[in-house]
Amino acid sequence: MTSTRSEQLKDALTILLLALVVGFCSGHFALRQQGLDFPDFYAASLMVLHRHGHQIYDPNVQYQFQREYAGRIGSYFIHPS
């Protein structure tokens, strides 16, 4: 059973594609590990807890809470109740 040149090329391209996907995922793992929307939900819950619920859609207040309590800035909380 000898494989043809086109089959070898397909195998090599498949391995290359898999290596690129693994490389990309492992390079961005630390960022994705914390979640993308954790800071906005956490900051919004703390805003309500600290009696700032009436300002829950104010980006400046969200920024302050995310920076202080979540340790990083994520997207803003925009989910209606």
N, C-alpha and C. Protein backbone atom coordinates (compact mmCIF):
# COMPACT_ATOMS: atom_id res chain seq x y z
N MET A 1 0.84 -1.19 0.00
CA MET A 1 0.00 0.00 0.00
C MET A 1 0.88 1.25 0.00
N THR A 2 1.06 1.78 -1.11
CA THR A 2 1.81 3.03 -1.20
C THR A 2 0.83 4.16 -1.41
N SER A 3 1.06 5.23 -0.69
CA SER A 3 0.17 6.38 -0.85
C SER A 3 0.69 7.26 -1.98
N THR A 4 -0.24 7.87 -2.63
CA THR A 4 0.13 8.73 -3.74
C THR A 4 0.63 10.06 -3.22
N ARG A 5 1.22 10.80 -4.11
CA ARG A 5 1.78 12.11 -3.74
C ARG A 5 0.68 13.06 -3.26
N SER A 6 -0.50 13.00 -3.87
CA SER A 6 -1.59 13.89 -3.44
C SER A 6 -2.08 13.52 -2.04
N GLU A 7 -2.09 12.24 -1.71
CA GLU A 7 -2.49 11.84 -0.36
C GLU A 7 -1.46 12.30 0.67
N GLN A 8 -0.20 12.23 0.31
CA GLN A 8 0.85 12.71 1.22
C GLN A 8 0.73 14.22 1.43
N LEU A 9 0.41 14.93 0.36
CA LEU A 9 0.24 16.38 0.46
C LEU A 9 -0.97 16.72 1.35
N LYS A 10 -2.07 15.99 1.18
CA LYS A 10 -3.25 16.20 2.03
C LYS A 10 -2.91 15.92 3.49
N ASP A 11 -2.18 14.85 3.75
CA ASP A 11 -1.79 14.52 5.12
C ASP A 11 -0.91 15.61 5.72
N ALA A 12 0.04 16.10 4.94
CA ALA A 12 0.94 17.15 5.43
C ALA A 12 0.18 18.44 5.71
N LEU A 13 -0.76 18.81 4.84
CA LEU A 13 -1.56 20.02 5.07
C LEU A 13 -2.49 19.87 6.27
N THR A 14 -3.01 18.68 6.47
CA THR A 14 -3.86 18.43 7.63
C THR A 14 -3.06 18.57 8.92
N ILE A 15 -1.89 18.01 8.94
CA ILE A 15 -1.03 18.11 10.13
C ILE A 15 -0.63 19.56 10.37
N LEU A 16 -0.33 20.29 9.31
CA LEU A 16 0.02 21.71 9.45
C LEU A 16 -1.15 22.51 10.00
N LEU A 17 -2.34 22.27 9.48
CA LEU A 17 -3.52 22.97 9.97
C LEU A 17 -3.77 22.66 11.45
N LEU A 18 -3.67 21.42 11.83
CA LEU A 18 -3.86 21.05 13.24
C LEU A 18 -2.81 21.71 14.13
N ALA A 19 -1.57 21.77 13.66
CA ALA A 19 -0.51 22.41 14.44
C ALA A 19 -0.80 23.91 14.61
N LEU A 20 -1.31 24.55 13.57
CA LEU A 20 -1.65 25.98 13.67
C LEU A 20 -2.80 26.21 14.64
N VAL A 21 -3.81 25.37 14.59
CA VAL A 21 -4.94 25.51 15.51
C VAL A 21 -4.50 25.31 16.95
N VAL A 22 -3.71 24.29 17.21
CA VAL A 22 -3.21 24.03 18.56
C VAL A 22 -2.32 25.18 19.03
N GLY A 23 -1.47 25.68 18.15
CA GLY A 23 -0.61 26.80 18.50
C GLY A 23 -1.40 28.05 18.85
N PHE A 24 -2.44 28.34 18.06
CA PHE A 24 -3.27 29.51 18.32
C PHE A 24 -4.01 29.37 19.64
N CYS A 25 -4.60 28.20 19.87
CA CYS A 25 -5.37 27.99 21.10
C CYS A 25 -4.48 28.03 22.34
N SER A 26 -3.31 27.45 22.26
CA SER A 26 -2.43 27.46 23.43
C SER A 26 -1.85 28.84 23.68
N GLY A 27 -1.68 29.64 22.63
CA GLY A 27 -1.16 30.98 22.80
C GLY A 27 -2.15 31.93 23.46
N HIS A 28 -3.45 31.67 23.28
CA HIS A 28 -4.48 32.54 23.85
C HIS A 28 -5.20 31.90 25.04
N PHE A 29 -4.66 30.82 25.57
CA PHE A 29 -5.33 30.09 26.63
C PHE A 29 -5.47 30.92 27.90
N ALA A 30 -4.43 31.66 28.27
CA ALA A 30 -4.48 32.42 29.53
C ALA A 30 -5.60 33.46 29.49
N LEU A 31 -5.78 34.10 28.35
CA LEU A 31 -6.84 35.10 28.22
C LEU A 31 -8.21 34.43 28.28
N ARG A 32 -8.38 33.34 27.61
CA ARG A 32 -9.68 32.66 27.56
C ARG A 32 -10.00 31.92 28.84
N GLN A 33 -9.01 31.61 29.63
CA GLN A 33 -9.23 30.86 30.86
C GLN A 33 -10.08 31.66 31.84
N GLN A 34 -9.91 32.96 31.87
CA GLN A 34 -10.67 33.79 32.80
C GLN A 34 -12.07 34.08 32.29
N GLY A 35 -12.37 33.77 31.07
CA GLY A 35 -13.68 34.04 30.51
C GLY A 35 -13.74 35.42 29.91
N LEU A 36 -14.59 35.58 28.96
CA LEU A 36 -14.68 36.86 28.27
C LEU A 36 -15.65 37.81 28.95
N ASP A 37 -16.68 37.29 29.55
CA ASP A 37 -17.69 38.18 30.13
C ASP A 37 -17.71 38.16 31.66
N PHE A 38 -16.71 37.57 32.28
CA PHE A 38 -16.68 37.55 33.75
C PHE A 38 -16.63 38.95 34.35
N PRO A 39 -15.75 39.86 33.89
CA PRO A 39 -15.68 41.17 34.55
C PRO A 39 -16.98 41.95 34.50
N ASP A 40 -17.71 41.90 33.38
CA ASP A 40 -18.93 42.70 33.32
C ASP A 40 -20.02 42.15 34.22
N PHE A 41 -20.19 40.84 34.29
CA PHE A 41 -21.21 40.28 35.19
C PHE A 41 -20.82 40.46 36.66
N TYR A 42 -19.56 40.27 36.96
CA TYR A 42 -19.09 40.42 38.35
C TYR A 42 -19.22 41.87 38.80
N ALA A 43 -18.81 42.79 37.95
CA ALA A 43 -18.92 44.21 38.31
C ALA A 43 -20.37 44.62 38.45
N ALA A 44 -21.24 44.12 37.58
CA ALA A 44 -22.66 44.48 37.68
C ALA A 44 -23.26 43.95 38.98
N SER A 45 -22.89 42.75 39.38
CA SER A 45 -23.43 42.22 40.63
C SER A 45 -22.92 43.02 41.83
N LEU A 46 -21.66 43.43 41.78
CA LEU A 46 -21.13 44.23 42.88
C LEU A 46 -21.73 45.64 42.90
N MET A 47 -22.06 46.17 41.74
CA MET A 47 -22.72 47.47 41.70
C MET A 47 -24.07 47.41 42.41
N VAL A 48 -24.81 46.34 42.16
CA VAL A 48 -26.10 46.17 42.84
C VAL A 48 -25.88 45.96 44.33
N LEU A 49 -24.89 45.16 44.69
CA LEU A 49 -24.59 44.89 46.10
C LEU A 49 -24.19 46.17 46.84
N HIS A 50 -23.46 47.05 46.18
CA HIS A 50 -23.01 48.30 46.80
C HIS A 50 -23.96 49.46 46.54
N ARG A 51 -25.19 49.15 46.20
CA ARG A 51 -26.26 50.13 46.02
C ARG A 51 -26.00 51.12 44.89
N HIS A 52 -25.39 50.62 43.81
CA HIS A 52 -25.22 51.42 42.61
C HIS A 52 -26.02 50.83 41.46
N GLY A 53 -27.06 50.09 41.79
CA GLY A 53 -27.88 49.43 40.77
C GLY A 53 -28.52 50.40 39.80
N HIS A 54 -28.81 51.61 40.26
CA HIS A 54 -29.41 52.61 39.37
C HIS A 54 -28.41 53.11 38.33
N GLN A 55 -27.12 52.82 38.51
CA GLN A 55 -26.07 53.22 37.56
C GLN A 55 -25.50 52.03 36.80
N ILE A 56 -26.25 50.94 36.77
CA ILE A 56 -25.70 49.70 36.23
C ILE A 56 -25.33 49.78 34.76
N TYR A 57 -25.94 50.69 34.00
CA TYR A 57 -25.61 50.83 32.58
C TYR A 57 -24.69 52.01 32.30
N ASP A 58 -24.16 52.63 33.33
CA ASP A 58 -23.24 53.75 33.16
C ASP A 58 -21.83 53.19 32.94
N PRO A 59 -21.24 53.41 31.75
CA PRO A 59 -19.92 52.83 31.45
C PRO A 59 -18.81 53.30 32.39
N ASN A 60 -18.87 54.53 32.84
CA ASN A 60 -17.82 55.04 33.73
C ASN A 60 -17.85 54.33 35.09
N VAL A 61 -19.03 54.10 35.61
CA VAL A 61 -19.15 53.40 36.90
C VAL A 61 -18.76 51.93 36.72
N GLN A 62 -19.18 51.32 35.62
CA GLN A 62 -18.79 49.93 35.35
C GLN A 62 -17.27 49.81 35.26
N TYR A 63 -16.64 50.76 34.58
CA TYR A 63 -15.19 50.74 34.45
C TYR A 63 -14.52 50.77 35.82
N GLN A 64 -15.00 51.63 36.71
CA GLN A 64 -14.42 51.73 38.04
C GLN A 64 -14.57 50.41 38.81
N PHE A 65 -15.75 49.80 38.74
CA PHE A 65 -15.98 48.56 39.46
C PHE A 65 -15.16 47.41 38.86
N GLN A 66 -15.07 47.35 37.53
CA GLN A 66 -14.28 46.29 36.91
C GLN A 66 -12.81 46.42 37.26
N ARG A 67 -12.32 47.62 37.21
CA ARG A 67 -10.90 47.84 37.52
C ARG A 67 -10.61 47.50 38.97
N GLU A 68 -11.49 47.90 39.86
CA GLU A 68 -11.22 47.72 41.28
C GLU A 68 -11.46 46.28 41.75
N TYR A 69 -12.53 45.64 41.30
CA TYR A 69 -12.91 44.35 41.85
C TYR A 69 -12.60 43.15 40.96
N ALA A 70 -12.65 43.31 39.66
CA ALA A 70 -12.39 42.18 38.76
C ALA A 70 -10.91 42.10 38.38
N GLY A 71 -10.17 43.16 38.57
CA GLY A 71 -8.75 43.14 38.27
C GLY A 71 -8.42 43.33 36.81
N ARG A 72 -9.41 43.46 35.97
CA ARG A 72 -9.19 43.71 34.56
C ARG A 72 -10.46 44.30 33.97
N ILE A 73 -10.34 44.85 32.79
CA ILE A 73 -11.48 45.46 32.12
C ILE A 73 -11.99 44.51 31.05
N GLY A 74 -13.25 44.22 31.10
CA GLY A 74 -13.87 43.37 30.09
C GLY A 74 -14.83 44.20 29.26
N SER A 75 -15.83 43.56 28.73
CA SER A 75 -16.85 44.30 28.01
C SER A 75 -17.81 44.89 29.04
N TYR A 76 -18.68 45.77 28.58
CA TYR A 76 -19.62 46.40 29.51
C TYR A 76 -20.88 45.56 29.66
N PHE A 77 -21.48 45.67 30.83
CA PHE A 77 -22.72 44.96 31.10
C PHE A 77 -23.84 45.68 30.36
N ILE A 78 -24.46 45.01 29.37
CA ILE A 78 -25.49 45.66 28.56
C ILE A 78 -26.76 44.81 28.52
N HIS A 79 -26.88 43.83 29.40
CA HIS A 79 -28.02 42.92 29.35
C HIS A 79 -29.20 43.49 30.10
N PRO A 80 -30.30 43.73 29.41
CA PRO A 80 -31.48 44.27 30.11
C PRO A 80 -32.04 43.25 31.09
N SER A 81 -32.69 43.76 32.09
CA SER A 81 -33.27 42.87 33.13
C SER A 81 -34.48 42.15 32.61
